[in-house]
C-alpha atoms as a PDB file:
ATOM      1  CA  MET A   1     116.540 103.415 104.209  1.00  0.00           C
ATOM      2  CA  ARG A   2     114.444 103.598 100.689  1.00  0.00           C
ATOM      3  CA  ILE A   3     112.860 101.032  98.702  1.00  0.00           C
ATOM      4  CA  VAL A   4     112.723 102.165  95.572  1.00  0.00           C
ATOM      5  CA  ALA A   5     113.071 101.773  91.546  1.00  0.00           C
ATOM      6  CA  ILE A   6     111.186  99.359  89.197  1.00  0.00           C
ATOM      7  CA  SER A   7     113.019  97.065  85.874  1.00  0.00           C
ATOM      8  CA  ALA A   8     112.056  97.497  82.316  1.00  0.00           C
ATOM      9  CA  LEU A   9     110.514  94.928  82.120  1.00  0.00           C
ATOM     10  CA  VAL A  10     107.458  96.728  83.945  1.00  0.00           C
ATOM     11  CA  PRO A  11     104.024  96.616  82.579  1.00  0.00           C
ATOM     12  CA  ILE A  12     102.802  99.928  80.297  1.00  0.00           C
ATOM     13  CA  ALA A  13     100.103 100.313  82.394  1.00  0.00           C
ATOM     14  CA  CYS A  14     101.990 100.250  85.953  1.00  0.00           C
ATOM     15  CA  VAL A  15     104.492 102.823  84.248  1.00  0.00           C
ATOM     16  CA  GLY A  16     101.285 104.862  83.713  1.00  0.00           C
ATOM     17  CA  ILE A  17      99.888 104.487  86.661  1.00  0.00           C
ATOM     18  CA  VAL A  18     103.158 105.335  89.074  1.00  0.00           C
ATOM     19  CA  ALA A  19     103.235 108.720  86.068  1.00  0.00           C
ATOM     20  CA  MET A  20      99.779 110.535  87.620  1.00  0.00           C
ATOM     21  CA  PRO A  21     100.391 111.126  91.045  1.00  0.00           C
ATOM     22  CA  ALA A  22     103.834 112.867  90.021  1.00  0.00           C
ATOM     23  CA  LEU A  23     101.870 115.403  87.257  1.00  0.00           C
ATOM     24  CA  ALA A  24      99.804 116.522  90.820  1.00  0.00           C
ATOM     25  CA  ASN A  25     103.856 118.072  90.568  1.00  0.00           C
ATOM     26  CA  ALA A  26     105.231 118.980  87.626  1.00  0.00           C
ATOM     27  CA  GLN A  27     107.930 120.110  88.665  1.00  0.00           C
ATOM     28  CA  ASN A  28     109.061 116.576  90.742  1.00  0.00           C
ATOM     29  CA  LYS A  29     110.726 114.624  88.817  1.00  0.00           C
ATOM     30  CA  LEU A  30     110.803 110.307  89.159  1.00  0.00           C
ATOM     31  CA  THR A  31     113.994 109.017  90.505  1.00  0.00           C
ATOM     32  CA  ALA A  32     114.119 105.695  91.651  1.00  0.00           C
ATOM     33  CA  MET A  33     111.134 103.157  91.279  1.00  0.00           C
ATOM     34  CA  VAL A  34     110.647  99.087  92.991  1.00  0.00           C
ATOM     35  CA  ILE A  35     108.683  96.800  92.470  1.00  0.00           C
ATOM     36  CA  LEU A  36     108.449  93.840  95.070  1.00  0.00           C
ATOM     37  CA  GLN A  37     106.536  90.685  94.354  1.00  0.00           C
ATOM     38  CA  GLY A  38     104.735  88.790  96.919  1.00  0.00           C
ATOM     39  CA  THR A  39     101.348  88.930  98.742  1.00  0.00           C
ATOM     40  CA  CYS A  40      98.825  91.469  99.423  1.00  0.00           C
ATOM     41  CA  LYS A  41      97.558  90.978 102.880  1.00  0.00           C
ATOM     42  CA  LYS A  42      95.405  93.198 103.092  1.00  0.00           C
ATOM     43  CA  LEU A  43      93.513  96.565 100.933  1.00  0.00           C
ATOM     44  CA  VAL A  44      91.178  98.923 102.211  1.00  0.00           C
ATOM     45  CA  VAL A  45      89.968 101.595 100.382  1.00  0.00           C
ATOM     46  CA  GLY A  46      88.228 104.402 102.351  1.00  0.00           C
ATOM     47  CA  GLY A  47      85.981 101.784 104.315  1.00  0.00           C
ATOM     48  CA  LYS A  48      85.819  99.589 101.796  1.00  0.00           C
ATOM     49  CA  ALA A  49      87.557  96.103 102.251  1.00  0.00           C
ATOM     50  CA  ARG A  50      89.081  95.409  98.525  1.00  0.00           C
ATOM     51  CA  THR A  51      92.127  93.249  99.740  1.00  0.00           C
ATOM     52  CA  SER A  52      90.260  90.574  97.630  1.00  0.00           C
ATOM     53  CA  ASP A  53      90.989  92.363  94.083  1.00  0.00           C
ATOM     54  CA  CYS A  54      94.807  92.927  95.500  1.00  0.00           C
ATOM     55  CA  THR A  55      97.347  92.013  93.570  1.00  0.00           C
ATOM     56  CA  GLY A  56     100.714  90.632  94.263  1.00  0.00           C
ATOM     57  CA  LYS A  57     102.837  93.567  92.740  1.00  0.00           C
ATOM     58  CA  LEU A  58     103.806  96.265  95.077  1.00  0.00           C
ATOM     59  CA  LEU A  59     105.679  99.409  93.464  1.00  0.00           C
ATOM     60  CA  ASN A  60     107.637 102.516  95.444  1.00  0.00           C
ATOM     61  CA  THR A  61     108.660 105.022  94.167  1.00  0.00           C
ATOM     62  CA  GLU A  62     111.031 108.267  94.763  1.00  0.00           C
ATOM     63  CA  TYR A  63     110.160 111.846  93.474  1.00  0.00           C
ATOM     64  CA  SER A  64     113.271 114.418  93.632  1.00  0.00           C
ATOM     65  CA  ASP A  65     111.870 115.972  95.997  1.00  0.00           C
ATOM     66  CA  GLY A  66     111.917 113.537  98.677  1.00  0.00           C
ATOM     67  CA  ARG A  67     108.197 112.401  98.393  1.00  0.00           C
ATOM     68  CA  LEU A  68     108.308 108.476  98.399  1.00  0.00           C
ATOM     69  CA  GLY A  69     104.749 106.564  96.529  1.00  0.00           C
ATOM     70  CA  PHE A  70     104.301 103.079  98.108  1.00  0.00           C
ATOM     71  CA  TYR A  71     101.545 101.859  95.195  1.00  0.00           C
ATOM     72  CA  PHE A  72      98.919  98.800  95.936  1.00  0.00           C
ATOM     73  CA  VAL A  73      97.604  98.132  92.658  1.00  0.00           C
ATOM     74  CA  THR A  74      94.085  96.318  91.677  1.00  0.00           C
ATOM     75  CA  THR A  75      93.203  92.797  88.975  1.00  0.00           C
ATOM     76  CA  GLY A  76      91.300  95.566  87.805  1.00  0.00           C
ATOM     77  CA  GLY A  77      93.452  99.113  87.606  1.00  0.00           C
ATOM     78  CA  MET A  78      93.381 100.654  90.384  1.00  0.00           C
ATOM     79  CA  ALA A  79      95.841 100.960  92.848  1.00  0.00           C
ATOM     80  CA  LEU A  80      95.815 102.748  95.656  1.00  0.00           C
ATOM     81  CA  THR A  81      99.257 105.623  96.587  1.00  0.00           C
ATOM     82  CA  PHE A  82      99.973 106.539 100.089  1.00  0.00           C
ATOM     83  CA  SER A  83     102.342 108.599  99.042  1.00  0.00           C
ATOM     84  CA  THR A  84     104.894 109.758 102.369  1.00  0.00           C
ATOM     85  CA  ARG A  85     107.124 112.581 102.948  1.00  0.00           C
ATOM     86  CA  GLY A  86     110.314 110.496 102.368  1.00  0.00           C
ATOM     87  CA  ARG A  87     112.697 112.554 103.916  1.00  0.00           C
ATOM     88  CA  GLU A  88     110.641 112.735 107.833  1.00  0.00           C
ATOM     89  CA  GLN A  89     111.334 108.583 108.014  1.00  0.00           C
ATOM     90  CA  VAL A  90     112.129 106.540 111.652  1.00  0.00           C
ATOM     91  CA  LYS A  91     114.326 103.955 111.110  1.00  0.00           C
ATOM     92  CA  ALA A  92     112.746 102.140 113.619  1.00  0.00           C
ATOM     93  CA  ASP A  93     115.645  99.254 113.798  1.00  0.00           C
ATOM     94  CA  GLU A  94     119.166  99.157 111.045  1.00  0.00           C
ATOM     95  CA  ASN A  95     116.123  97.479 109.069  1.00  0.00           C
ATOM     96  CA  THR A  96     112.412  98.984 109.230  1.00  0.00           C
ATOM     97  CA  ALA A  97     111.967 102.021 108.767  1.00  0.00           C
ATOM     98  CA  ILE A  98     108.939 104.650 109.074  1.00  0.00           C
ATOM     99  CA  VAL A  99     107.374 107.259 107.033  1.00  0.00           C
ATOM    100  CA  PRO A 100     104.773 109.787 107.601  1.00  0.00           C
ATOM    101  CA  VAL A 101     102.015 109.347 105.003  1.00  0.00           C
ATOM    102  CA  ASP A 102      99.892 113.201 103.968  1.00  0.00           C
ATOM    103  CA  MET A 103      97.820 112.378 100.501  1.00  0.00           C
ATOM    104  CA  LEU A 104      96.571 109.160  99.039  1.00  0.00           C
ATOM    105  CA  PHE A 105      95.650 109.182  95.404  1.00  0.00           C
ATOM    106  CA  THR A 106      93.297 106.677  94.036  1.00  0.00           C
ATOM    107  CA  THR A 107      94.368 105.808  90.008  1.00  0.00           C
ATOM    108  CA  GLY A 108      91.779 104.401  87.351  1.00  0.00           C
ATOM    109  CA  LYS A 109      89.683 104.850  84.144  1.00  0.00           C
ATOM    110  CA  GLY A 110      91.777 107.098  83.423  1.00  0.00           C
ATOM    111  CA  GLN A 111      91.460 109.587  87.001  1.00  0.00           C
ATOM    112  CA  THR A 112      93.629 110.369  89.473  1.00  0.00           C
ATOM    113  CA  ASP A 113      91.616 111.321  92.415  1.00  0.00           C
ATOM    114  CA  LYS A 114      93.880 112.730  95.457  1.00  0.00           C
ATOM    115  CA  VAL A 115      92.303 113.329  98.950  1.00  0.00           C
ATOM    116  CA  GLN A 116      94.671 114.997 102.219  1.00  0.00           C
ATOM    117  CA  ALA A 117      95.080 112.079 104.613  1.00  0.00           C
ATOM    118  CA  VAL A 118      97.030 111.629 108.039  1.00  0.00           C
ATOM    119  CA  GLY A 119      98.870 108.565 108.716  1.00  0.00           C
ATOM    120  CA  THR A 120     102.580 106.247 108.469  1.00  0.00           C
ATOM    121  CA  CYS A 121     103.430 103.717 106.246  1.00  0.00           C
ATOM    122  CA  LYS A 122     106.325 101.091 107.745  1.00  0.00           C
ATOM    123  CA  PHE A 123     108.578  99.145 105.633  1.00  0.00           C
ATOM    124  CA  THR A 124     111.964  96.835 106.356  1.00  0.00           C
ATOM    125  CA  ASN A 125     114.475  95.935 103.812  1.00  0.00           C
ATOM    126  CA  PRO A 126     113.104  94.020 101.047  1.00  0.00           C
ATOM    127  CA  TYR A 127     117.370  93.539  99.569  1.00  0.00           C
ATOM    128  CA  ARG A 128     117.972  90.743 102.591  1.00  0.00           C
ATOM    129  CA  GLY A 129     116.739  88.045 101.147  1.00  0.00           C
ATOM    130  CA  VAL A 130     113.338  87.443 102.930  1.00  0.00           C
ATOM    131  CA  PRO A 131     110.178  88.417 102.811  1.00  0.00           C
ATOM    132  CA  ALA A 132     109.432  91.906 103.897  1.00  0.00           C
ATOM    133  CA  PRO A 133     106.318  94.400 105.087  1.00  0.00           C
ATOM    134  CA  VAL A 134     105.246  96.685 103.803  1.00  0.00           C
ATOM    135  CA  GLU A 135     102.221  97.875 106.150  1.00  0.00           C
ATOM    136  CA  CYS A 136      99.998 102.140 105.447  1.00  0.00           C
ATOM    137  CA  THR A 137      97.284 102.669 107.109  1.00  0.00           C
ATOM    138  CA  ALA A 138      95.312 106.643 106.704  1.00  0.00           C
ATOM    139  CA  ASP A 139      92.353 108.447 107.762  1.00  0.00           C
ATOM    140  CA  THR A 140      91.071 111.216 104.660  1.00  0.00           C
ATOM    141  CA  ALA A 141      87.888 113.374 105.711  1.00  0.00           C
ATOM    142  CA  ARG A 142      86.681 109.978 103.560  1.00  0.00           C
ATOM    143  CA  GLY A 143      87.618 106.924 106.001  1.00  0.00           C
ATOM    144  CA  ARG A 144      89.961 104.746 106.381  1.00  0.00           C
ATOM    145  CA  TYR A 145      92.230 102.839 104.249  1.00  0.00           C
ATOM    146  CA  GLU A 146      94.448 100.443 105.139  1.00  0.00           C
ATOM    147  CA  ALA A 147      97.197  97.889 102.874  1.00  0.00           C
ATOM    148  CA  ALA A 148      99.648  95.395 104.016  1.00  0.00           C
ATOM    149  CA  PHE A 149     101.862  94.144 101.618  1.00  0.00           C
ATOM    150  CA  LEU A 150     104.266  90.679 101.923  1.00  0.00           C
ATOM    151  CA  SER A 151     107.356  90.490  99.348  1.00  0.00           C
ATOM    152  CA  ASP A 152     109.221  86.939  98.301  1.00  0.00           C
ATOM    153  CA  GLY A 153     111.926  87.683  99.837  1.00  0.00           C
ATOM    154  CA  SER A 154     113.094  87.792  96.237  1.00  0.00           C
ATOM    155  CA  LYS A 155     115.896  90.760  95.219  1.00  0.00           C
ATOM    156  CA  PRO A 156     113.002  93.590  93.891  1.00  0.00           C
ATOM    157  CA  ASP A 157     113.182  95.271  90.607  1.00  0.00           C
ATOM    158  CA  ASN A 158     115.042  98.905  90.336  1.00  0.00           C
ATOM    159  CA  LYS A 159     115.724 101.584  88.153  1.00  0.00           C
ATOM    160  CA  THR A 160     117.018 104.909  88.438  1.00  0.00           C
ATOM    161  CA  PHE A 161     116.140 107.792  86.518  1.00  0.00           C
ATOM    162  CA  ASP A 162     118.231 110.870  85.065  1.00  0.00           C
END
């Protein structure tokens, strides 16, 4: 199971945020993107609470190497991306998957910072028409990173790329 894809109506700033981590490995192409609408329930960056800055949009990307990204975006334009090895996901049940996190990206003010991480993202199928949670945690040399998002149950905006 995967979330993945984006709408043509996605602001240019969001596309720029998504493109930044992709530059870390230019041979991997963005193949799909999804935008979920809902509520950011928790955002912790390097052990510091940032939930009040988190927006009601979650971006999910898929790259040609199977890597997935979960992008939690702040009102100030910063994005925290939990980068996962999508092909290693494990289905907890028919509508829930858990995938390992091995990198984090923080993007903001024209800079992208990459850090090695150990963690997981757990997500449920957002296409069922009911609120779908996404929860990510990761530990790094810079501290703990956590994020939780609950979709509003509306149909995700999807886009696939050739």
